Every structure is written in structure tokens, then in C-alpha cells.
PDB file of N, CA and C in Angstrom:
ATOM      1  N   MET A   1      -4.080 -13.460   4.935  1.00  0.00           N
ATOM      2  CA  MET A   1      -3.659 -14.136   5.959  1.00  0.00           C
ATOM      3  C   MET A   1      -4.115 -15.485   6.130  1.00  0.00           C
ATOM      4  N   GLN A   2      -3.603 -16.293   6.875  1.00  0.00           N
ATOM      5  CA  GLN A   2      -4.091 -17.561   7.017  1.00  0.00           C
ATOM      6  C   GLN A   2      -3.814 -18.029   8.585  1.00  0.00           C
ATOM      7  N   ASP A   3      -4.294 -19.386   8.536  1.00  0.00           N
ATOM      8  CA  ASP A   3      -4.403 -20.103  10.015  1.00  0.00           C
ATOM      9  C   ASP A   3      -2.939 -20.428  10.516  1.00  0.00           C
ATOM     10  N   THR A   4      -1.916 -20.456   9.628  1.00  0.00           N
ATOM     11  CA  THR A   4      -0.515 -20.810  10.026  1.00  0.00           C
ATOM     12  C   THR A   4       0.230 -19.588  10.276  1.00  0.00           C
ATOM     13  N   TRP A   5       1.268 -19.739  10.953  1.00  0.00           N
ATOM     14  CA  TRP A   5       2.192 -18.535  11.356  1.00  0.00           C
ATOM     15  C   TRP A   5       3.039 -18.374  10.213  1.00  0.00           C
ATOM     16  N   GLY A   6       3.209 -16.930   9.899  1.00  0.00           N
ATOM     17  CA  GLY A   6       4.064 -16.506   8.836  1.00  0.00           C
ATOM     18  C   GLY A   6       4.742 -15.244   9.149  1.00  0.00           C
ATOM     19  N   LYS A   7       5.815 -15.209   8.377  1.00  0.00           N
ATOM     20  CA  LYS A   7       6.653 -13.818   8.514  1.00  0.00           C
ATOM     21  C   LYS A   7       6.486 -13.059   7.171  1.00  0.00           C
ATOM     22  N   SER A   8       6.904 -11.733   7.403  1.00  0.00           N
ATOM     23  CA  SER A   8       6.919 -10.779   6.088  1.00  0.00           C
ATOM     24  C   SER A   8       8.064 -11.413   5.419  1.00  0.00           C
ATOM     25  N   SER A   9       7.907 -11.023   4.134  1.00  0.00           N
ATOM     26  CA  SER A   9       8.828 -11.407   3.014  1.00  0.00           C
ATOM     27  C   SER A   9       9.968 -10.243   3.326  1.00  0.00           C
ATOM     28  N   TYR A  10       9.795  -9.243   4.073  1.00  0.00           N
ATOM     29  CA  TYR A  10      10.848  -8.180   4.397  1.00  0.00           C
ATOM     30  C   TYR A  10      11.603  -8.373   5.659  1.00  0.00           C
ATOM     31  N   SER A  11      11.278  -9.696   6.322  1.00  0.00           N
ATOM     32  CA  SER A  11      12.093 -10.135   7.413  1.00  0.00           C
ATOM     33  C   SER A  11      13.345 -10.568   7.098  1.00  0.00           C
ATOM     34  N   GLY A  12      14.340 -10.058   7.897  1.00  0.00           N
ATOM     35  CA  GLY A  12      15.751 -10.649   7.439  1.00  0.00           C
ATOM     36  C   GLY A  12      15.930 -11.956   8.108  1.00  0.00           C
ATOM     37  N   HIS A  13      17.103 -12.574   7.974  1.00  0.00           N
ATOM     38  CA  HIS A  13      17.507 -13.706   8.770  1.00  0.00           C
ATOM     39  C   HIS A  13      18.172 -13.721   9.971  1.00  0.00           C
ATOM     40  N   ASN A  14      18.053 -12.628  10.674  1.00  0.00           N
ATOM     41  CA  ASN A  14      18.638 -12.380  11.776  1.00  0.00           C
ATOM     42  C   ASN A  14      17.858 -12.799  13.048  1.00  0.00           C
ATOM     43  N   GLY A  15      16.565 -13.446  12.948  1.00  0.00           N
ATOM     44  CA  GLY A  15      15.811 -13.911  14.043  1.00  0.00           C
ATOM     45  C   GLY A  15      14.869 -12.765  14.747  1.00  0.00           C
ATOM     46  N   ASN A  16      15.219 -11.428  14.371  1.00  0.00           N
ATOM     47  CA  ASN A  16      14.463 -10.418  14.939  1.00  0.00           C
ATOM     48  C   ASN A  16      13.149  -9.983  14.204  1.00  0.00           C
ATOM     49  N   CYS A  17      12.101 -10.727  14.146  1.00  0.00           N
ATOM     50  CA  CYS A  17      11.179 -10.439  13.574  1.00  0.00           C
ATOM     51  C   CYS A  17       9.659 -11.046  14.396  1.00  0.00           C
ATOM     52  N   VAL A  18       8.608 -10.573  13.861  1.00  0.00           N
ATOM     53  CA  VAL A  18       7.339 -11.144  14.544  1.00  0.00           C
ATOM     54  C   VAL A  18       6.595 -11.896  13.523  1.00  0.00           C
ATOM     55  N   GLU A  19       5.681 -12.810  13.750  1.00  0.00           N
ATOM     56  CA  GLU A  19       5.049 -13.713  13.089  1.00  0.00           C
ATOM     57  C   GLU A  19       3.450 -13.338  13.258  1.00  0.00           C
ATOM     58  N   ALA A  20       2.672 -13.706  12.211  1.00  0.00           N
ATOM     59  CA  ALA A  20       1.302 -13.234  12.338  1.00  0.00           C
ATOM     60  C   ALA A  20       0.481 -14.497  11.824  1.00  0.00           C
ATOM     61  N   ARG A  21      -0.712 -14.408  12.216  1.00  0.00           N
ATOM     62  CA  ARG A  21      -1.744 -15.291  11.596  1.00  0.00           C
ATOM     63  C   ARG A  21      -3.170 -14.829  11.884  1.00  0.00           C
ATOM     64  N   GLN A  22      -3.898 -15.110  11.051  1.00  0.00           N
ATOM     65  CA  GLN A  22      -5.628 -14.723  11.310  1.00  0.00           C
ATOM     66  C   GLN A  22      -6.371 -16.082  11.552  1.00  0.00           C
ATOM     67  N   LEU A  23      -7.051 -16.016  12.573  1.00  0.00           N
ATOM     68  CA  LEU A  23      -8.130 -16.991  12.901  1.00  0.00           C
ATOM     69  C   LEU A  23      -9.371 -16.139  12.984  1.00  0.00           C
ATOM     70  N   ASP A  24     -10.055 -15.984  14.185  1.00  0.00           N
ATOM     71  CA  ASP A  24     -10.956 -15.031  14.338  1.00  0.00           C
ATOM     72  C   ASP A  24     -10.550 -13.696  14.364  1.00  0.00           C
ATOM     73  N   ALA A  25      -9.173 -13.509  14.968  1.00  0.00           N
ATOM     74  CA  ALA A  25      -8.728 -12.329  15.076  1.00  0.00           C
ATOM     75  C   ALA A  25      -7.292 -12.497  14.386  1.00  0.00           C
ATOM     76  N   VAL A  26      -6.568 -11.142  14.089  1.00  0.00           N
ATOM     77  CA  VAL A  26      -4.904 -11.437  13.773  1.00  0.00           C
ATOM     78  C   VAL A  26      -4.420 -11.624  15.065  1.00  0.00           C
ATOM     79  N   GLN A  27      -3.364 -12.483  15.089  1.00  0.00           N
ATOM     80  CA  GLN A  27      -2.446 -12.881  16.102  1.00  0.00           C
ATOM     81  C   GLN A  27      -1.137 -12.579  15.719  1.00  0.00           C
ATOM     82  N   VAL A  28      -0.163 -11.893  16.793  1.00  0.00           N
ATOM     83  CA  VAL A  28       1.139 -11.609  16.471  1.00  0.00           C
ATOM     84  C   VAL A  28       1.944 -12.134  17.654  1.00  0.00           C
ATOM     85  N   ARG A  29       3.216 -12.778  17.311  1.00  0.00           N
ATOM     86  CA  ARG A  29       4.081 -13.339  18.276  1.00  0.00           C
ATOM     87  C   ARG A  29       5.513 -13.033  17.967  1.00  0.00           C
ATOM     88  N   ASP A  30       6.123 -13.141  18.905  1.00  0.00           N
ATOM     89  CA  ASP A  30       7.753 -13.140  18.613  1.00  0.00           C
ATOM     90  C   ASP A  30       8.040 -14.299  18.191  1.00  0.00           C
ATOM     91  N   SER A  31       8.952 -14.312  17.082  1.00  0.00           N
ATOM     92  CA  SER A  31       9.273 -15.551  16.344  1.00  0.00           C
ATOM     93  C   SER A  31      10.389 -16.304  16.946  1.00  0.00           C
ATOM     94  N   GLN A  32      10.928 -15.632  18.001  1.00  0.00           N
ATOM     95  CA  GLN A  32      12.035 -16.351  18.711  1.00  0.00           C
ATOM     96  C   GLN A  32      11.522 -16.903  20.024  1.00  0.00           C
ATOM     97  N   ASP A  33      10.355 -16.645  20.359  1.00  0.00           N
ATOM     98  CA  ASP A  33       9.597 -17.199  21.426  1.00  0.00           C
ATOM     99  C   ASP A  33       8.345 -17.707  21.199  1.00  0.00           C
ATOM    100  N   PRO A  34       8.072 -18.799  20.363  1.00  0.00           N
ATOM    101  CA  PRO A  34       6.992 -19.240  19.778  1.00  0.00           C
ATOM    102  C   PRO A  34       5.989 -19.800  20.822  1.00  0.00           C
ATOM    103  N   ASP A  35       6.334 -20.180  22.029  1.00  0.00           N
ATOM    104  CA  ASP A  35       5.509 -20.337  23.055  1.00  0.00           C
ATOM    105  C   ASP A  35       5.207 -19.348  24.071  1.00  0.00           C
ATOM    106  N   GLY A  36       5.610 -18.092  23.788  1.00  0.00           N
ATOM    107  CA  GLY A  36       5.257 -17.079  24.739  1.00  0.00           C
ATOM    108  C   GLY A  36       4.011 -16.492  24.385  1.00  0.00           C
ATOM    109  N   PRO A  37       3.832 -15.096  24.842  1.00  0.00           N
ATOM    110  CA  PRO A  37       2.663 -14.598  24.687  1.00  0.00           C
ATOM    111  C   PRO A  37       2.408 -14.091  23.113  1.00  0.00           C
ATOM    112  N   VAL A  38       0.906 -14.172  22.970  1.00  0.00           N
ATOM    113  CA  VAL A  38       0.258 -13.821  21.715  1.00  0.00           C
ATOM    114  C   VAL A  38      -0.324 -12.566  21.809  1.00  0.00           C
ATOM    115  N   VAL A  39      -0.315 -11.596  21.008  1.00  0.00           N
ATOM    116  CA  VAL A  39      -1.184 -10.304  20.790  1.00  0.00           C
ATOM    117  C   VAL A  39      -2.391 -10.637  19.909  1.00  0.00           C
ATOM    118  N   SER A  40      -3.568 -10.420  20.134  1.00  0.00           N
ATOM    119  CA  SER A  40      -4.686 -10.604  19.245  1.00  0.00           C
ATOM    120  C   SER A  40      -5.362  -9.169  19.331  1.00  0.00           C
ATOM    121  N   VAL A  41      -5.683  -8.823  18.039  1.00  0.00           N
ATOM    122  CA  VAL A  41      -6.176  -7.751  17.441  1.00  0.00           C
ATOM    123  C   VAL A  41      -7.240  -7.893  16.407  1.00  0.00           C
ATOM    124  N   THR A  42      -8.357  -7.088  16.188  1.00  0.00           N
ATOM    125  CA  THR A  42      -9.293  -7.235  15.209  1.00  0.00           C
ATOM    126  C   THR A  42      -8.651  -7.126  13.755  1.00  0.00           C
ATOM    127  N   ALA A  43      -9.406  -7.507  12.741  1.00  0.00           N
ATOM    128  CA  ALA A  43      -8.641  -7.654  11.505  1.00  0.00           C
ATOM    129  C   ALA A  43      -8.649  -6.053  10.878  1.00  0.00           C
ATOM    130  N   GLY A  44      -9.832  -5.306  11.569  1.00  0.00           N
ATOM    131  CA  GLY A  44     -10.019  -3.908  11.113  1.00  0.00           C
ATOM    132  C   GLY A  44      -8.501  -3.112  11.825  1.00  0.00           C
ATOM    133  N   ALA A  45      -8.387  -3.369  13.032  1.00  0.00           N
ATOM    134  CA  ALA A  45      -7.241  -2.736  13.746  1.00  0.00           C
ATOM    135  C   ALA A  45      -5.888  -3.147  13.043  1.00  0.00           C
ATOM    136  N   TRP A  46      -5.675  -4.273  12.654  1.00  0.00           N
ATOM    137  CA  TRP A  46      -4.572  -4.820  12.028  1.00  0.00           C
ATOM    138  C   TRP A  46      -4.278  -4.177  10.488  1.00  0.00           C
ATOM    139  N   ASP A  47      -5.629  -3.926   9.950  1.00  0.00           N
ATOM    140  CA  ASP A  47      -5.426  -3.290   8.543  1.00  0.00           C
ATOM    141  C   ASP A  47      -5.083  -1.592   8.680  1.00  0.00           C
ATOM    142  N   ARG A  48      -5.552  -0.965   9.849  1.00  0.00           N
ATOM    143  CA  ARG A  48      -5.327   0.207  10.147  1.00  0.00           C
ATOM    144  C   ARG A  48      -3.579   0.457  10.428  1.00  0.00           C
ATOM    145  N   PHE A  49      -3.355  -0.595  11.327  1.00  0.00           N
ATOM    146  CA  PHE A  49      -1.850  -0.544  11.678  1.00  0.00           C
ATOM    147  C   PHE A  49      -0.970  -0.739  10.507  1.00  0.00           C
ATOM    148  N   LEU A  50      -1.271  -1.657   9.580  1.00  0.00           N
ATOM    149  CA  LEU A  50      -0.480  -1.778   8.404  1.00  0.00           C
ATOM    150  C   LEU A  50      -0.525  -0.563   7.421  1.00  0.00           C
ATOM    151  N   ALA A  51      -1.428   0.014   7.356  1.00  0.00           N
ATOM    152  CA  ALA A  51      -1.692   1.325   6.461  1.00  0.00           C
ATOM    153  C   ALA A  51      -0.800   2.456   7.183  1.00  0.00           C
ATOM    154  N   ARG A  52      -0.731   2.537   8.378  1.00  0.00           N
ATOM    155  CA  ARG A  52      -0.013   3.513   9.225  1.00  0.00           C
ATOM    156  C   ARG A  52       1.605   3.349   9.072  1.00  0.00           C
ATOM    157  N   VAL A  53       1.953   1.787   8.841  1.00  0.00           N
ATOM    158  CA  VAL A  53       3.328   1.629   8.966  1.00  0.00           C
ATOM    159  C   VAL A  53       3.661   1.845   7.480  1.00  0.00           C
ATOM    160  N   LYS A  54       2.865   1.395   6.356  1.00  0.00           N
ATOM    161  CA  LYS A  54       3.282   1.672   5.112  1.00  0.00           C
ATOM    162  C   LYS A  54       3.316   3.211   4.748  1.00  0.00           C
ATOM    163  N   ALA A  55       2.565   3.951   5.468  1.00  0.00           N
ATOM    164  CA  ALA A  55       2.674   5.365   5.330  1.00  0.00           C
ATOM    165  C   ALA A  55       3.709   6.283   5.983  1.00  0.00           C
ATOM    166  N   GLY A  56       4.578   5.315   6.803  1.00  0.00           N
ATOM    167  CA  GLY A  56       5.627   5.991   7.355  1.00  0.00           C
ATOM    168  C   GLY A  56       5.267   6.623   8.899  1.00  0.00           C
ATOM    169  N   GLY A  57       3.865   6.432   9.253  1.00  0.00           N
ATOM    170  CA  GLY A  57       3.556   6.863  10.375  1.00  0.00           C
ATOM    171  C   GLY A  57       3.637   6.149  11.672  1.00  0.00           C
ATOM    172  N   THR A  58       4.908   5.608  11.920  1.00  0.00           N
ATOM    173  CA  THR A  58       5.131   4.821  13.023  1.00  0.00           C
ATOM    174  C   THR A  58       5.561   5.448  14.215  1.00  0.00           C
ATOM    175  N   GLU A  59       5.614   6.871  14.196  1.00  0.00           N
ATOM    176  CA  GLU A  59       6.118   7.440  15.331  1.00  0.00           C
ATOM    177  C   GLU A  59       4.803   7.789  16.552  1.00  0.00           C
ATOM    178  N   ARG A  60       3.738   7.400  16.159  1.00  0.00           N
ATOM    179  CA  ARG A  60       2.750   7.223  17.123  1.00  0.00           C
ATOM    180  C   ARG A  60       1.548   6.252  16.741  1.00  0.00           C
ATOM    181  N   LEU A  61       1.695   5.291  17.241  1.00  0.00           N
ATOM    182  CA  LEU A  61       0.497   4.110  16.905  1.00  0.00           C
ATOM    183  C   LEU A  61      -0.275   3.883  18.166  1.00  0.00           C
ATOM    184  N   THR A  62      -0.865   4.819  18.504  1.00  0.00           N
ATOM    185  CA  THR A  62      -1.898   4.712  19.444  1.00  0.00           C
ATOM    186  C   THR A  62      -3.484   4.850  18.936  1.00  0.00           C
ATOM    187  N   GLY A  63      -4.218   4.343  19.655  1.00  0.00           N
ATOM    188  CA  GLY A  63      -5.661   4.409  18.894  1.00  0.00           C
ATOM    189  C   GLY A  63      -6.015   3.913  17.865  1.00  0.00           C
ATOM    190  N   ILE A  64      -5.269   2.856  17.478  1.00  0.00           N
ATOM    191  CA  ILE A  64      -5.587   2.370  16.165  1.00  0.00           C
ATOM    192  C   ILE A  64      -6.520   0.997  16.395  1.00  0.00           C
TER     193      ILE A  64
END
């Protein structure tokens, strides 16, 4: 990840996606509202989140 905003290669072209970047933490925002709120999480929490999504465990993403 880098210091510029980027979208997943899996994102469609319908505009319904998020963008992420990494500075001191991983930041996530709504791609349709680039001046809106940004969620920041630690790199470790982001890695655990991605691992759960890849494993299909999206039904309960608490405590990550």
C-alpha cells in the first residue's frame, strides 16, 4: 500500500467502492465522497480484516 489513494483491482466501474492508502495507519474512504470522513486502522487490523474477507468470513467482522 502507498501514500496515494487506490482502489482494488476487483472494484467495478459503477462508483460503489472504497479507496485505501497507508501512511502511519491504513486509511479508508468512500470513493464517491473524497472529502468526506476517513476511517483509520492499524496495519495489523487491516491485515486481519483482509484475511477474514478473503476467507469468506464477512458475516461478523467485530473485534478485528
